[in-house]
């Protein structure tokens, strides 16, 4: 008899479990992954925007941050990016020449400003580009001026001022703009030329000079979906959301200049 009772109890438990399982909603399918390759200077704002963007477009964003030149070469070599957010037009053009850019979604979304930074307690005063050639400035941190957009912009500014040839031997190049900022924070260079948005994120440096718009080169951050990818429609939605009013408020909060908002 005890065996019968145990068997009945087991059948009741199994039936109850099956009833609960029958009423349990089916698991939601995982959202598609969208690989976003973005310039290092965009790291903080994009990470803040990610949860809202993911909810809005129904996708999971996977970021790869770095120097725009390195990202362009990675895209060309592996074609794994769904969205490319570059810090200059030249590297977006490079990817476009390889036939990988979705021209329908490409546009210039943001701009930025160059600033000269030093440690919080630096005694240096900078009133113009010419103050960078003084004897108190032994090392100047830049992103690699031969390839990285922030460094190329800084070089163009100094060339326009007629100072590059006298300064180039003092340049401490970094792999990206965050590396240039870190060199100043660590005391490896008395000053650095970085984006205003990066300087604002640091607690160890202060801006000693902001390059006037008329003196500096035009800074453009283009964004585009990558063509021939399996989730092109989702990537276009991500680009469109980043180009809309919700994202614009965050970009401006971080100090970017929004210039290509879509409606």
C-alpha atoms as a PDB file:
ATOM      1  CA  UNK A   1       0.000   0.000   0.000  1.00  0.00           C
ATOM      2  CA  UNK A   2       2.847   2.397   0.851  1.00  0.00           C
ATOM      3  CA  UNK A   3       4.266   1.864  -2.625  1.00  0.00           C
ATOM      4  CA  UNK A   4       0.906   2.775  -4.166  1.00  0.00           C
ATOM      5  CA  UNK A   5       0.720   5.992  -2.103  1.00  0.00           C
ATOM      6  CA  UNK A   6       4.230   6.983  -3.173  1.00  0.00           C
ATOM      7  CA  UNK A   7       3.347   6.328  -6.822  1.00  0.00           C
ATOM      8  CA  UNK A   8       0.176   8.437  -6.573  1.00  0.00           C
ATOM      9  CA  UNK A   9       2.125  11.249  -4.882  1.00  0.00           C
ATOM     10  CA  UNK A  10       4.720  11.179  -7.678  1.00  0.00           C
ATOM     11  CA  UNK A  11       1.991  11.337 -10.357  1.00  0.00           C
ATOM     12  CA  UNK A  12       0.353  14.323  -8.607  1.00  0.00           C
ATOM     13  CA  UNK A  13       3.682  16.191  -8.369  1.00  0.00           C
ATOM     14  CA  UNK A  14       4.488  15.462 -12.024  1.00  0.00           C
ATOM     15  CA  UNK A  15       1.046  16.599 -13.153  1.00  0.00           C
ATOM     16  CA  UNK A  16       1.359  19.837 -11.163  1.00  0.00           C
ATOM     17  CA  UNK A  17       4.788  20.510 -12.678  1.00  0.00           C
ATOM     18  CA  UNK A  18       3.439  19.930 -16.187  1.00  0.00           C
ATOM     19  CA  UNK A  19       0.522  22.284 -15.514  1.00  0.00           C
ATOM     20  CA  UNK A  20       2.853  25.059 -14.336  1.00  0.00           C
ATOM     21  CA  UNK A  21       5.140  24.499 -17.316  1.00  0.00           C
ATOM     22  CA  UNK A  22       2.186  24.684 -19.671  1.00  0.00           C
ATOM     23  CA  UNK A  23       1.266  28.114 -18.297  1.00  0.00           C
ATOM     24  CA  UNK A  24       4.823  29.473 -18.224  1.00  0.00           C
ATOM     25  CA  UNK A  25       5.352  31.934 -21.091  1.00  0.00           C
ATOM     26  CA  UNK A  26       7.883  30.831 -23.677  1.00  0.00           C
ATOM     27  CA  UNK A  27      11.303  32.389 -23.278  1.00  0.00           C
ATOM     28  CA  UNK A  28      11.788  35.502 -25.397  1.00  0.00           C
ATOM     29  CA  UNK A  29      14.274  35.002 -28.208  1.00  0.00           C
ATOM     30  CA  UNK A  30      17.594  36.710 -27.624  1.00  0.00           C
ATOM     31  CA  UNK A  31      17.804  40.090 -29.398  1.00  0.00           C
ATOM     32  CA  UNK A  32      20.145  40.243 -32.383  1.00  0.00           C
ATOM     33  CA  UNK A  33      23.678  41.403 -31.672  1.00  0.00           C
ATOM     34  CA  UNK A  34      24.917  44.531 -33.409  1.00  0.00           C
ATOM     35  CA  UNK A  35      28.687  45.059 -33.414  1.00  0.00           C
ATOM     36  CA  UNK A  36      29.471  48.754 -33.052  1.00  0.00           C
ATOM     37  CA  UNK A  37      33.033  49.833 -33.852  1.00  0.00           C
ATOM     38  CA  UNK A  38      33.470  53.310 -32.384  1.00  0.00           C
ATOM     39  CA  UNK A  39      36.236  55.850 -31.828  1.00  0.00           C
ATOM     40  CA  UNK A  40      37.798  55.802 -28.349  1.00  0.00           C
ATOM     41  CA  UNK A  41      36.548  59.324 -27.605  1.00  0.00           C
ATOM     42  CA  UNK A  42      32.954  58.030 -27.828  1.00  0.00           C
ATOM     43  CA  UNK A  43      33.363  55.320 -25.184  1.00  0.00           C
ATOM     44  CA  UNK A  44      31.693  57.009 -22.215  1.00  0.00           C
ATOM     45  CA  UNK A  45      28.685  58.498 -23.964  1.00  0.00           C
ATOM     46  CA  UNK A  46      27.910  55.368 -26.012  1.00  0.00           C
ATOM     47  CA  UNK A  47      28.128  53.142 -22.961  1.00  0.00           C
ATOM     48  CA  UNK A  48      25.646  55.426 -21.231  1.00  0.00           C
ATOM     49  CA  UNK A  49      23.301  55.400 -24.223  1.00  0.00           C
ATOM     50  CA  UNK A  50      23.525  51.649 -24.844  1.00  0.00           C
ATOM     51  CA  UNK A  51      20.694  50.391 -22.566  1.00  0.00           C
ATOM     52  CA  UNK A  52      18.198  52.943 -23.903  1.00  0.00           C
ATOM     53  CA  UNK A  53      19.215  52.321 -27.510  1.00  0.00           C
ATOM     54  CA  UNK A  54      18.983  48.560 -27.059  1.00  0.00           C
ATOM     55  CA  UNK A  55      15.454  48.856 -25.683  1.00  0.00           C
ATOM     56  CA  UNK A  56      14.393  51.218 -28.463  1.00  0.00           C
ATOM     57  CA  UNK A  57      15.687  49.181 -31.410  1.00  0.00           C
ATOM     58  CA  UNK A  58      15.414  45.665 -29.983  1.00  0.00           C
ATOM     59  CA  UNK A  59      19.074  44.743 -30.264  1.00  0.00           C
ATOM     60  CA  UNK A  60      22.076  43.994 -28.091  1.00  0.00           C
ATOM     61  CA  UNK A  61      25.009  46.312 -28.766  1.00  0.00           C
ATOM     62  CA  UNK A  62      28.522  44.875 -28.631  1.00  0.00           C
ATOM     63  CA  UNK A  63      31.139  47.615 -28.624  1.00  0.00           C
ATOM     64  CA  UNK A  64      34.665  47.661 -29.945  1.00  0.00           C
ATOM     65  CA  UNK A  65      36.348  50.956 -29.022  1.00  0.00           C
ATOM     66  CA  UNK A  66      39.702  52.098 -30.365  1.00  0.00           C
ATOM     67  CA  UNK A  67      41.524  54.442 -32.689  1.00  0.00           C
ATOM     68  CA  UNK A  68      39.479  55.035 -35.851  1.00  0.00           C
ATOM     69  CA  UNK A  69      42.383  53.925 -38.058  1.00  0.00           C
ATOM     70  CA  UNK A  70      42.742  50.601 -36.231  1.00  0.00           C
ATOM     71  CA  UNK A  71      38.990  50.017 -36.388  1.00  0.00           C
ATOM     72  CA  UNK A  72      38.907  50.765 -40.129  1.00  0.00           C
ATOM     73  CA  UNK A  73      41.648  48.219 -40.762  1.00  0.00           C
ATOM     74  CA  UNK A  74      39.837  45.637 -38.626  1.00  0.00           C
ATOM     75  CA  UNK A  75      36.630  46.190 -40.589  1.00  0.00           C
ATOM     76  CA  UNK A  76      38.471  45.889 -43.889  1.00  0.00           C
ATOM     77  CA  UNK A  77      40.231  42.709 -42.799  1.00  0.00           C
ATOM     78  CA  UNK A  78      37.368  40.906 -41.074  1.00  0.00           C
ATOM     79  CA  UNK A  79      34.093  42.618 -42.030  1.00  0.00           C
ATOM     80  CA  UNK A  80      32.677  41.948 -38.549  1.00  0.00           C
ATOM     81  CA  UNK A  81      31.279  45.424 -37.797  1.00  0.00           C
ATOM     82  CA  UNK A  82      27.600  46.294 -38.225  1.00  0.00           C
ATOM     83  CA  UNK A  83      28.058  49.998 -37.387  1.00  0.00           C
ATOM     84  CA  UNK A  84      31.185  52.139 -37.711  1.00  0.00           C
ATOM     85  CA  UNK A  85      31.388  55.460 -35.823  1.00  0.00           C
ATOM     86  CA  UNK A  86      34.628  57.131 -36.864  1.00  0.00           C
ATOM     87  CA  UNK A  87      36.303  60.283 -35.551  1.00  0.00           C
ATOM     88  CA  UNK A  88      37.155  61.488 -39.046  1.00  0.00           C
ATOM     89  CA  UNK A  89      35.912  61.290 -42.603  1.00  0.00           C
ATOM     90  CA  UNK A  90      39.156  59.948 -44.058  1.00  0.00           C
ATOM     91  CA  UNK A  91      38.915  56.564 -42.331  1.00  0.00           C
ATOM     92  CA  UNK A  92      35.227  56.256 -43.173  1.00  0.00           C
ATOM     93  CA  UNK A  93      36.211  56.969 -46.787  1.00  0.00           C
ATOM     94  CA  UNK A  94      38.847  54.230 -46.512  1.00  0.00           C
ATOM     95  CA  UNK A  95      36.182  51.697 -45.512  1.00  0.00           C
ATOM     96  CA  UNK A  96      33.827  53.012 -48.202  1.00  0.00           C
ATOM     97  CA  UNK A  97      36.451  52.471 -50.896  1.00  0.00           C
ATOM     98  CA  UNK A  98      36.512  48.828 -49.836  1.00  0.00           C
ATOM     99  CA  UNK A  99      32.797  48.668 -50.637  1.00  0.00           C
ATOM    100  CA  UNK A 100      31.743  48.055 -47.024  1.00  0.00           C
ATOM    101  CA  UNK A 101      29.792  51.216 -46.132  1.00  0.00           C
ATOM    102  CA  UNK A 102      26.023  51.504 -46.437  1.00  0.00           C
ATOM    103  CA  UNK A 103      25.863  54.891 -48.158  1.00  0.00           C
ATOM    104  CA  UNK A 104      22.170  55.311 -47.337  1.00  0.00           C
ATOM    105  CA  UNK A 105      22.884  55.572 -43.611  1.00  0.00           C
ATOM    106  CA  UNK A 106      26.238  57.394 -43.695  1.00  0.00           C
ATOM    107  CA  UNK A 107      26.319  60.989 -42.433  1.00  0.00           C
ATOM    108  CA  UNK A 108      28.396  63.286 -40.252  1.00  0.00           C
ATOM    109  CA  UNK A 109      26.760  63.261 -36.825  1.00  0.00           C
ATOM    110  CA  UNK A 110      29.129  65.008 -34.404  1.00  0.00           C
ATOM    111  CA  UNK A 111      31.945  67.500 -34.115  1.00  0.00           C
ATOM    112  CA  UNK A 112      34.367  68.289 -31.304  1.00  0.00           C
ATOM    113  CA  UNK A 113      36.988  70.834 -30.263  1.00  0.00           C
ATOM    114  CA  UNK A 114      40.715  70.504 -29.680  1.00  0.00           C
ATOM    115  CA  UNK A 115      42.100  71.634 -26.330  1.00  0.00           C
ATOM    116  CA  UNK A 116      45.524  71.805 -24.714  1.00  0.00           C
ATOM    117  CA  UNK A 117      45.630  70.140 -21.297  1.00  0.00           C
ATOM    118  CA  UNK A 118      48.085  69.983 -18.428  1.00  0.00           C
ATOM    119  CA  UNK A 119      47.991  68.612 -14.904  1.00  0.00           C
ATOM    120  CA  UNK A 120      45.674  70.384 -12.480  1.00  0.00           C
ATOM    121  CA  UNK A 121      48.642  72.092 -10.801  1.00  0.00           C
ATOM    122  CA  UNK A 122      50.597  72.947 -13.944  1.00  0.00           C
ATOM    123  CA  UNK A 123      52.129  76.423 -13.854  1.00  0.00           C
ATOM    124  CA  UNK A 124      52.010  76.629 -17.654  1.00  0.00           C
ATOM    125  CA  UNK A 125      49.905  79.323 -19.247  1.00  0.00           C
ATOM    126  CA  UNK A 126      48.957  78.888 -22.886  1.00  0.00           C
ATOM    127  CA  UNK A 127      47.466  81.822 -24.768  1.00  0.00           C
ATOM    128  CA  UNK A 128      48.159  80.648 -28.306  1.00  0.00           C
ATOM    129  CA  UNK A 129      49.796  77.825 -30.230  1.00  0.00           C
ATOM    130  CA  UNK A 130      53.135  79.644 -30.040  1.00  0.00           C
ATOM    131  CA  UNK A 131      53.312  79.063 -26.288  1.00  0.00           C
ATOM    132  CA  UNK A 132      53.836  75.352 -26.991  1.00  0.00           C
ATOM    133  CA  UNK A 133      57.357  75.964 -28.270  1.00  0.00           C
ATOM    134  CA  UNK A 134      58.617  77.427 -24.992  1.00  0.00           C
ATOM    135  CA  UNK A 135      61.463  75.804 -23.041  1.00  0.00           C
ATOM    136  CA  UNK A 136      59.129  74.628 -20.280  1.00  0.00           C
ATOM    137  CA  UNK A 137      57.387  72.273 -22.705  1.00  0.00           C
ATOM    138  CA  UNK A 138      59.651  69.298 -23.272  1.00  0.00           C
ATOM    139  CA  UNK A 139      57.069  66.680 -24.239  1.00  0.00           C
ATOM    140  CA  UNK A 140      53.686  67.096 -25.949  1.00  0.00           C
ATOM    141  CA  UNK A 141      51.307  64.134 -25.885  1.00  0.00           C
ATOM    142  CA  UNK A 142      49.259  63.552 -29.037  1.00  0.00           C
ATOM    143  CA  UNK A 143      47.409  60.632 -30.498  1.00  0.00           C
ATOM    144  CA  UNK A 144      49.577  59.255 -33.315  1.00  0.00           C
ATOM    145  CA  UNK A 145      49.618  62.214 -35.755  1.00  0.00           C
ATOM    146  CA  UNK A 146      50.328  59.927 -38.676  1.00  0.00           C
ATOM    147  CA  UNK A 147      47.100  57.950 -38.429  1.00  0.00           C
ATOM    148  CA  UNK A 148      44.803  58.642 -35.452  1.00  0.00           C
ATOM    149  CA  UNK A 149      42.210  61.371 -36.088  1.00  0.00           C
ATOM    150  CA  UNK A 150      42.840  63.333 -32.874  1.00  0.00           C
ATOM    151  CA  UNK A 151      46.557  63.416 -33.647  1.00  0.00           C
ATOM    152  CA  UNK A 152      45.963  64.327 -37.285  1.00  0.00           C
ATOM    153  CA  UNK A 153      43.707  67.200 -36.222  1.00  0.00           C
ATOM    154  CA  UNK A 154      46.327  68.426 -33.732  1.00  0.00           C
ATOM    155  CA  UNK A 155      49.058  68.231 -36.352  1.00  0.00           C
ATOM    156  CA  UNK A 156      46.916  70.165 -38.844  1.00  0.00           C
ATOM    157  CA  UNK A 157      46.366  72.917 -36.255  1.00  0.00           C
ATOM    158  CA  UNK A 158      50.091  73.201 -35.528  1.00  0.00           C
ATOM    159  CA  UNK A 159      50.961  73.134 -39.235  1.00  0.00           C
ATOM    160  CA  UNK A 160      48.519  75.944 -39.888  1.00  0.00           C
ATOM    161  CA  UNK A 161      50.227  77.927 -37.126  1.00  0.00           C
ATOM    162  CA  UNK A 162      53.630  77.226 -38.733  1.00  0.00           C
ATOM    163  CA  UNK A 163      54.892  75.378 -35.661  1.00  0.00           C
ATOM    164  CA  UNK A 164      54.842  71.685 -36.519  1.00  0.00           C
ATOM    165  CA  UNK A 165      58.445  71.384 -37.699  1.00  0.00           C
ATOM    166  CA  UNK A 166      59.676  72.952 -34.465  1.00  0.00           C
ATOM    167  CA  UNK A 167      57.509  70.753 -32.265  1.00  0.00           C
ATOM    168  CA  UNK A 168      57.490  67.335 -33.924  1.00  0.00           C
ATOM    169  CA  UNK A 169      60.585  66.096 -32.058  1.00  0.00           C
ATOM    170  CA  UNK A 170      58.854  66.762 -28.742  1.00  0.00           C
ATOM    171  CA  UNK A 171      55.751  64.766 -29.611  1.00  0.00           C
ATOM    172  CA  UNK A 172      54.927  61.718 -27.505  1.00  0.00           C
ATOM    173  CA  UNK A 173      52.534  59.719 -29.738  1.00  0.00           C
ATOM    174  CA  UNK A 174      49.783  57.537 -28.291  1.00  0.00           C
ATOM    175  CA  UNK A 175      47.761  54.740 -29.824  1.00  0.00           C
ATOM    176  CA  UNK A 176      44.596  56.827 -29.437  1.00  0.00           C
ATOM    177  CA  UNK A 177      43.402  60.047 -27.833  1.00  0.00           C
ATOM    178  CA  UNK A 178      42.800  58.399 -24.461  1.00  0.00           C
ATOM    179  CA  UNK A 179      46.419  57.238 -24.428  1.00  0.00           C
ATOM    180  CA  UNK A 180      47.561  60.819 -25.073  1.00  0.00           C
ATOM    181  CA  UNK A 181      45.424  62.018 -22.176  1.00  0.00           C
ATOM    182  CA  UNK A 182      46.794  59.274 -19.943  1.00  0.00           C
ATOM    183  CA  UNK A 183      50.368  60.340 -20.761  1.00  0.00           C
ATOM    184  CA  UNK A 184      49.646  63.809 -19.361  1.00  0.00           C
ATOM    185  CA  UNK A 185      47.858  62.363 -16.324  1.00  0.00           C
ATOM    186  CA  UNK A 186      50.902  60.185 -15.602  1.00  0.00           C
ATOM    187  CA  UNK A 187      53.364  63.065 -15.963  1.00  0.00           C
ATOM    188  CA  UNK A 188      54.934  61.690 -19.131  1.00  0.00           C
ATOM    189  CA  UNK A 189      54.279  64.970 -20.942  1.00  0.00           C
ATOM    190  CA  UNK A 190      53.832  68.517 -19.689  1.00  0.00           C
ATOM    191  CA  UNK A 191      50.902  69.090 -22.001  1.00  0.00           C
ATOM    192  CA  UNK A 192      48.742  67.234 -24.468  1.00  0.00           C
ATOM    193  CA  UNK A 193      46.404  68.129 -27.301  1.00  0.00           C
ATOM    194  CA  UNK A 194      43.181  66.144 -27.038  1.00  0.00           C
ATOM    195  CA  UNK A 195      39.465  66.544 -27.606  1.00  0.00           C
ATOM    196  CA  UNK A 196      37.515  68.760 -25.260  1.00  0.00           C
ATOM    197  CA  UNK A 197      35.206  65.833 -24.483  1.00  0.00           C
ATOM    198  CA  UNK A 198      38.108  63.671 -23.274  1.00  0.00           C
ATOM    199  CA  UNK A 199      39.558  66.444 -21.131  1.00  0.00           C
ATOM    200  CA  UNK A 200      36.184  66.833 -19.431  1.00  0.00           C
ATOM    201  CA  UNK A 201      36.274  63.185 -18.319  1.00  0.00           C
ATOM    202  CA  UNK A 202      39.580  63.523 -16.465  1.00  0.00           C
ATOM    203  CA  UNK A 203      39.905  64.547 -12.816  1.00  0.00           C
ATOM    204  CA  UNK A 204      43.685  64.997 -13.083  1.00  0.00           C
ATOM    205  CA  UNK A 205      44.051  67.536 -15.879  1.00  0.00           C
ATOM    206  CA  UNK A 206      42.704  70.961 -16.691  1.00  0.00           C
ATOM    207  CA  UNK A 207      42.228  72.763 -19.977  1.00  0.00           C
ATOM    208  CA  UNK A 208      44.866  75.443 -20.396  1.00  0.00           C
ATOM    209  CA  UNK A 209      43.806  76.459 -23.910  1.00  0.00           C
ATOM    210  CA  UNK A 210      40.877  75.763 -26.222  1.00  0.00           C
ATOM    211  CA  UNK A 211      41.725  75.943 -29.898  1.00  0.00           C
ATOM    212  CA  UNK A 212      39.405  78.482 -31.555  1.00  0.00           C
ATOM    213  CA  UNK A 213      37.197  76.994 -34.224  1.00  0.00           C
ATOM    214  CA  UNK A 214      38.669  79.345 -36.843  1.00  0.00           C
ATOM    215  CA  UNK A 215      42.215  78.122 -36.083  1.00  0.00           C
ATOM    216  CA  UNK A 216      41.591  74.390 -35.946  1.00  0.00           C
ATOM    217  CA  UNK A 217      40.661  71.898 -38.656  1.00  0.00           C
ATOM    218  CA  UNK A 218      37.075  70.821 -39.240  1.00  0.00           C
ATOM    219  CA  UNK A 219      36.372  67.881 -36.947  1.00  0.00           C
ATOM    220  CA  UNK A 220      33.770  65.419 -38.176  1.00  0.00           C
ATOM    221  CA  UNK A 221      32.481  62.154 -36.687  1.00  0.00           C
ATOM    222  CA  UNK A 222      30.691  60.182 -39.423  1.00  0.00           C
ATOM    223  CA  UNK A 223      28.563  57.156 -38.611  1.00  0.00           C
ATOM    224  CA  UNK A 224      27.212  54.469 -40.914  1.00  0.00           C
ATOM    225  CA  UNK A 225      25.863  50.952 -41.026  1.00  0.00           C
ATOM    226  CA  UNK A 226      28.041  48.447 -42.829  1.00  0.00           C
ATOM    227  CA  UNK A 227      26.558  46.889 -45.966  1.00  0.00           C
ATOM    228  CA  UNK A 228      26.440  43.174 -46.770  1.00  0.00           C
ATOM    229  CA  UNK A 229      25.984  42.290 -43.096  1.00  0.00           C
ATOM    230  CA  UNK A 230      23.189  39.906 -42.003  1.00  0.00           C
ATOM    231  CA  UNK A 231      21.556  42.509 -39.718  1.00  0.00           C
ATOM    232  CA  UNK A 232      21.721  45.580 -41.959  1.00  0.00           C
ATOM    233  CA  UNK A 233      18.147  46.639 -41.159  1.00  0.00           C
ATOM    234  CA  UNK A 234      18.845  46.529 -37.413  1.00  0.00           C
ATOM    235  CA  UNK A 235      22.162  48.368 -37.874  1.00  0.00           C
ATOM    236  CA  UNK A 236      20.329  51.110 -39.774  1.00  0.00           C
ATOM    237  CA  UNK A 237      17.885  51.420 -36.872  1.00  0.00           C
ATOM    238  CA  UNK A 238      20.806  51.807 -34.458  1.00  0.00           C
ATOM    239  CA  UNK A 239      22.324  54.560 -36.612  1.00  0.00           C
ATOM    240  CA  UNK A 240      18.955  56.297 -36.882  1.00  0.00           C
ATOM    241  CA  UNK A 241      18.418  56.175 -33.106  1.00  0.00           C
ATOM    242  CA  UNK A 242      21.908  57.525 -32.401  1.00  0.00           C
ATOM    243  CA  UNK A 243      21.083  60.341 -34.832  1.00  0.00           C
ATOM    244  CA  UNK A 244      17.833  61.249 -33.087  1.00  0.00           C
ATOM    245  CA  UNK A 245      16.890  63.689 -30.333  1.00  0.00           C
ATOM    246  CA  UNK A 246      17.210  61.275 -27.401  1.00  0.00           C
ATOM    247  CA  UNK A 247      20.871  60.576 -28.165  1.00  0.00           C
ATOM    248  CA  UNK A 248      21.575  64.212 -29.097  1.00  0.00           C
ATOM    249  CA  UNK A 249      20.901  65.345 -25.542  1.00  0.00           C
ATOM    250  CA  UNK A 250      23.492  62.912 -24.179  1.00  0.00           C
ATOM    251  CA  UNK A 251      26.085  63.809 -26.808  1.00  0.00           C
ATOM    252  CA  UNK A 252      25.715  67.479 -25.924  1.00  0.00           C
ATOM    253  CA  UNK A 253      25.924  66.684 -22.216  1.00  0.00           C
ATOM    254  CA  UNK A 254      29.320  65.112 -22.858  1.00  0.00           C
ATOM    255  CA  UNK A 255      30.484  68.169 -24.809  1.00  0.00           C
ATOM    256  CA  UNK A 256      30.059  66.993 -28.404  1.00  0.00           C
ATOM    257  CA  UNK A 257      28.631  69.291 -31.056  1.00  0.00           C
ATOM    258  CA  UNK A 258      25.647  67.625 -32.716  1.00  0.00           C
ATOM    259  CA  UNK A 259      25.545  68.533 -36.380  1.00  0.00           C
ATOM    260  CA  UNK A 260      23.810  65.703 -38.215  1.00  0.00           C
ATOM    261  CA  UNK A 261      20.612  64.970 -36.285  1.00  0.00           C
ATOM    262  CA  UNK A 262      18.013  62.941 -38.157  1.00  0.00           C
ATOM    263  CA  UNK A 263      14.274  63.219 -37.592  1.00  0.00           C
END
